[in-house]
Each structure stands twice: as C-alpha cells, then as structure tokens.
Amino acid sequence: MALLRLNASACVRNLVKASTCRSCVDICPTKAIDILEGGLDATIPALNLSKCVGCAGCVSICPSSALSVEEFDATTFFFSFMKENTKNTLSCQDNVPCLASLNVEQLLALSVFKKELHLDGAHCESCDIAHTCKPFIDKSVEEVEYLLSAMDSTAKIQIKDLNIISEQIPQEQNRRDFFNAFHLKNAIKSKKDFEDRVESSTDEFIAHNLNAEKVKEIRAKSDLSDRKKLFFTAIKRVDVPEQFHVVDAKEVTFTSQKLIDKELCTACQMCYRICPTKALKSDGKNSKIDFDAFLCIKCASCIDVCEPKAIYSSDSFNIKEFFAPSIQRLITYDVKRCNECTAFFTSIQGSEVCHRCQAEEDDAKELWGL
C-alpha cells in the first residue's frame, strides 16, 4: 500500500523553477524522495513508494504542506491527543509514527496546551532511520524551547528516555508493518470538525491577548494552513509578554521578516506573484509590496525568483508578530501613465515610458541601427 502522497501543485519547486528547496529529500532516511536530473518535471520531487516507511518526517518539514502520508495526519492527531487530558507524552511506540512527524509549530502548540510535553527519545539510538530524523527532532525541540523562552511562556518541552513499549504491536514486526498498523483512537476525520474547533478555540481566547477586530481579520484569511491555524490557536493561550523580544531569525524555521533593497528592485512583480501563501501582496496598480509575516512559510521562493536579489530575509524576527500580526509596507512605487500607450505602470528612476513601450523602442532602434 502506498504510504506517501505528493500534491505537486502545492510544492514550491513546482511554483518556482528556480527554487532551491530540497528539505524532503534531505530528511528522508530511506532515500524514497529524490529530485531526478533531466525531463520536464525534473524540478519536482520524485517518490519511490517501495522505500517509504511512513515516518512522515518529509510531511513535517515541507514548508507548503505538499506531502502527506495516508496513515498519519498531524492535525487529526492534535485533536485526538488533546482529548486525552492526562497524557502529555509522544512516542514512536505509542501515538506517532516518528517524533519527526510533528514540526515546530505543532510541537509548540502542543507544549502550550499541555503546559509540559515529553518526547520519548529512548528508541532513537537503535532506530534505523535516526540518522536523518533525530537531528531534525533535536533541532525542532531546541527551536520550541527558544521560542517559548522568547514568549516568556512557562510551558516546557523535553526529550526523555521513557522507553515506552507498545502493547499492541509485536516487537518483532518491522517498521513498515508498524506504520501500517498504526491508528488513532477517537480520530477527528472531518475537515469541518477541524475548522469548527479552531474557530471555537480562537473565540474562547480572544479576550486574553488580541483585539477582536485583528483576530477576525486573521481568521478571515483563506491562506492559513492547518499548522498555522493550530499555532495561532495555541498563541491565544500565552499571555502577552510585557516586552516583545527580537530573536535570531536563523532560529525560526517556519516564518521570517522580509526586507527589500529599493535601489535594486525593478518592480518586476515576480516575488508576490509566486508567493504560495500570499504573504507578499500588492494592489491593482502594483504600486506597493506588503508583507505579512504570519502567512510566511519561509520557503524562500521570493528570494529564489528575484534576479537582482532585491528581496531578502531579515537577520532578526520580532516575537510581536505572533501576538499582534501586522502588515508591513516593504516598498512603494511611483505609478505613472505611460506617455506612449497611456497605460499605468510602476515608474523606476523617474521613467515616463512603461517597460513594454521602452522595450519596443529599444528593439526598433536596434533594427534601424540607431
């Protein structure tokens, strides 16, 4: 039975041919994912389903949620786990296929809701997929600890040698059989149930942290992924810090703050046109570029596609964006009416003629030898 699924239309490598993203390839412990050389679809990850063991590490690390495994859905698991009020332990022998199957946003959300989250790391040392999954697990936990501290939260997350042994799965079974037999108790399978729960959770905590109008604006956005919704719901549980800390952007893997070099930008529109989550936006006249850090998934597509390298990520990130998301104006353009075709265009360095008319004039001069 095929374990792994790829939604190619959501993959950032499909959206941006110049994309350098290969997270799924790097984390796959069995080399079930690769980017093949040559062919029309050479930029899209190829899957070898016979090699997949269903650890879901690739699903967790994919910035655009393009990958999924049939046997495990992190969102469904989140609500199933939350229903078990006394349980705060994650183990590959009990309730998740691998500790790497949950990313930073999900682990942070669980930590906040459970107040204290324990990850059973006792099985990693003898696990045959630990060489790629264990470093990711360690890094994710370190990032969650870093962010919880930056948010002044008392919630905790720890990796412990709990050595939980599954009572349902015989130990002699191989890893593939274990994942195939893996199931969730009381799973919430309906997308509508998920949306309803996120909505009710958000409403419940509005008064504690954010202005009601701001919450309504964020919830109205259609571009929030399930993991972002879970993260946002969890943030409602955290008291607003007295001071918003600025952290090292390299320590935050799931969002960023963007900057634009106004001297280099050519107003080509590519960065916001290819942004998979609409974190970068403009208006009808293309007179500006706005950025929403809450929607950013740090896929670097905008950076990869920018030829003059005008857009880049800030070296720092303000935790305030978690509690009071804001729209940042990165650049404003001078919009003029073209002297030739009368169409509106973004004028660079005071140009009076649009890019198309200027290109036609340059081509004509070249043909005439002028």
Foldseek 3Di string as FASTA:
>chain_A
DFWKDFQQVQALCNLFVLFPDDVLCQQQLQNQWDQDPDDPRSSTIDGNRVRDLNQQLSCAQRLRSRMGTPLDDLLLLLVLQVVVLVDQEDECQPAHVHLSNHALLSVLLSQLSNLEHEYAPQCLVVDSRNVRRVVRNVLSQVLSVVVCVLQVHSGYYYYDNPVDHHPPDDPVDDSSVSSVPHHGPPTDDDPVVSLVVLVVLCVVLCVQFHDPVQSVVVNPQPLDDSSLSSSLSSVSSRHGDPDWDKAFQVSDQFWFAKAFQLVQDPLPVVLQVSQSRNQWDADPLSFFIKGWRSSGRPSCSSQSPDPSSGMDTDRIDTNVCSRRIDIGTRDGFDWDQAPPPRHIHGDDPPDNHHPVVVVVVVVVCVVVVD
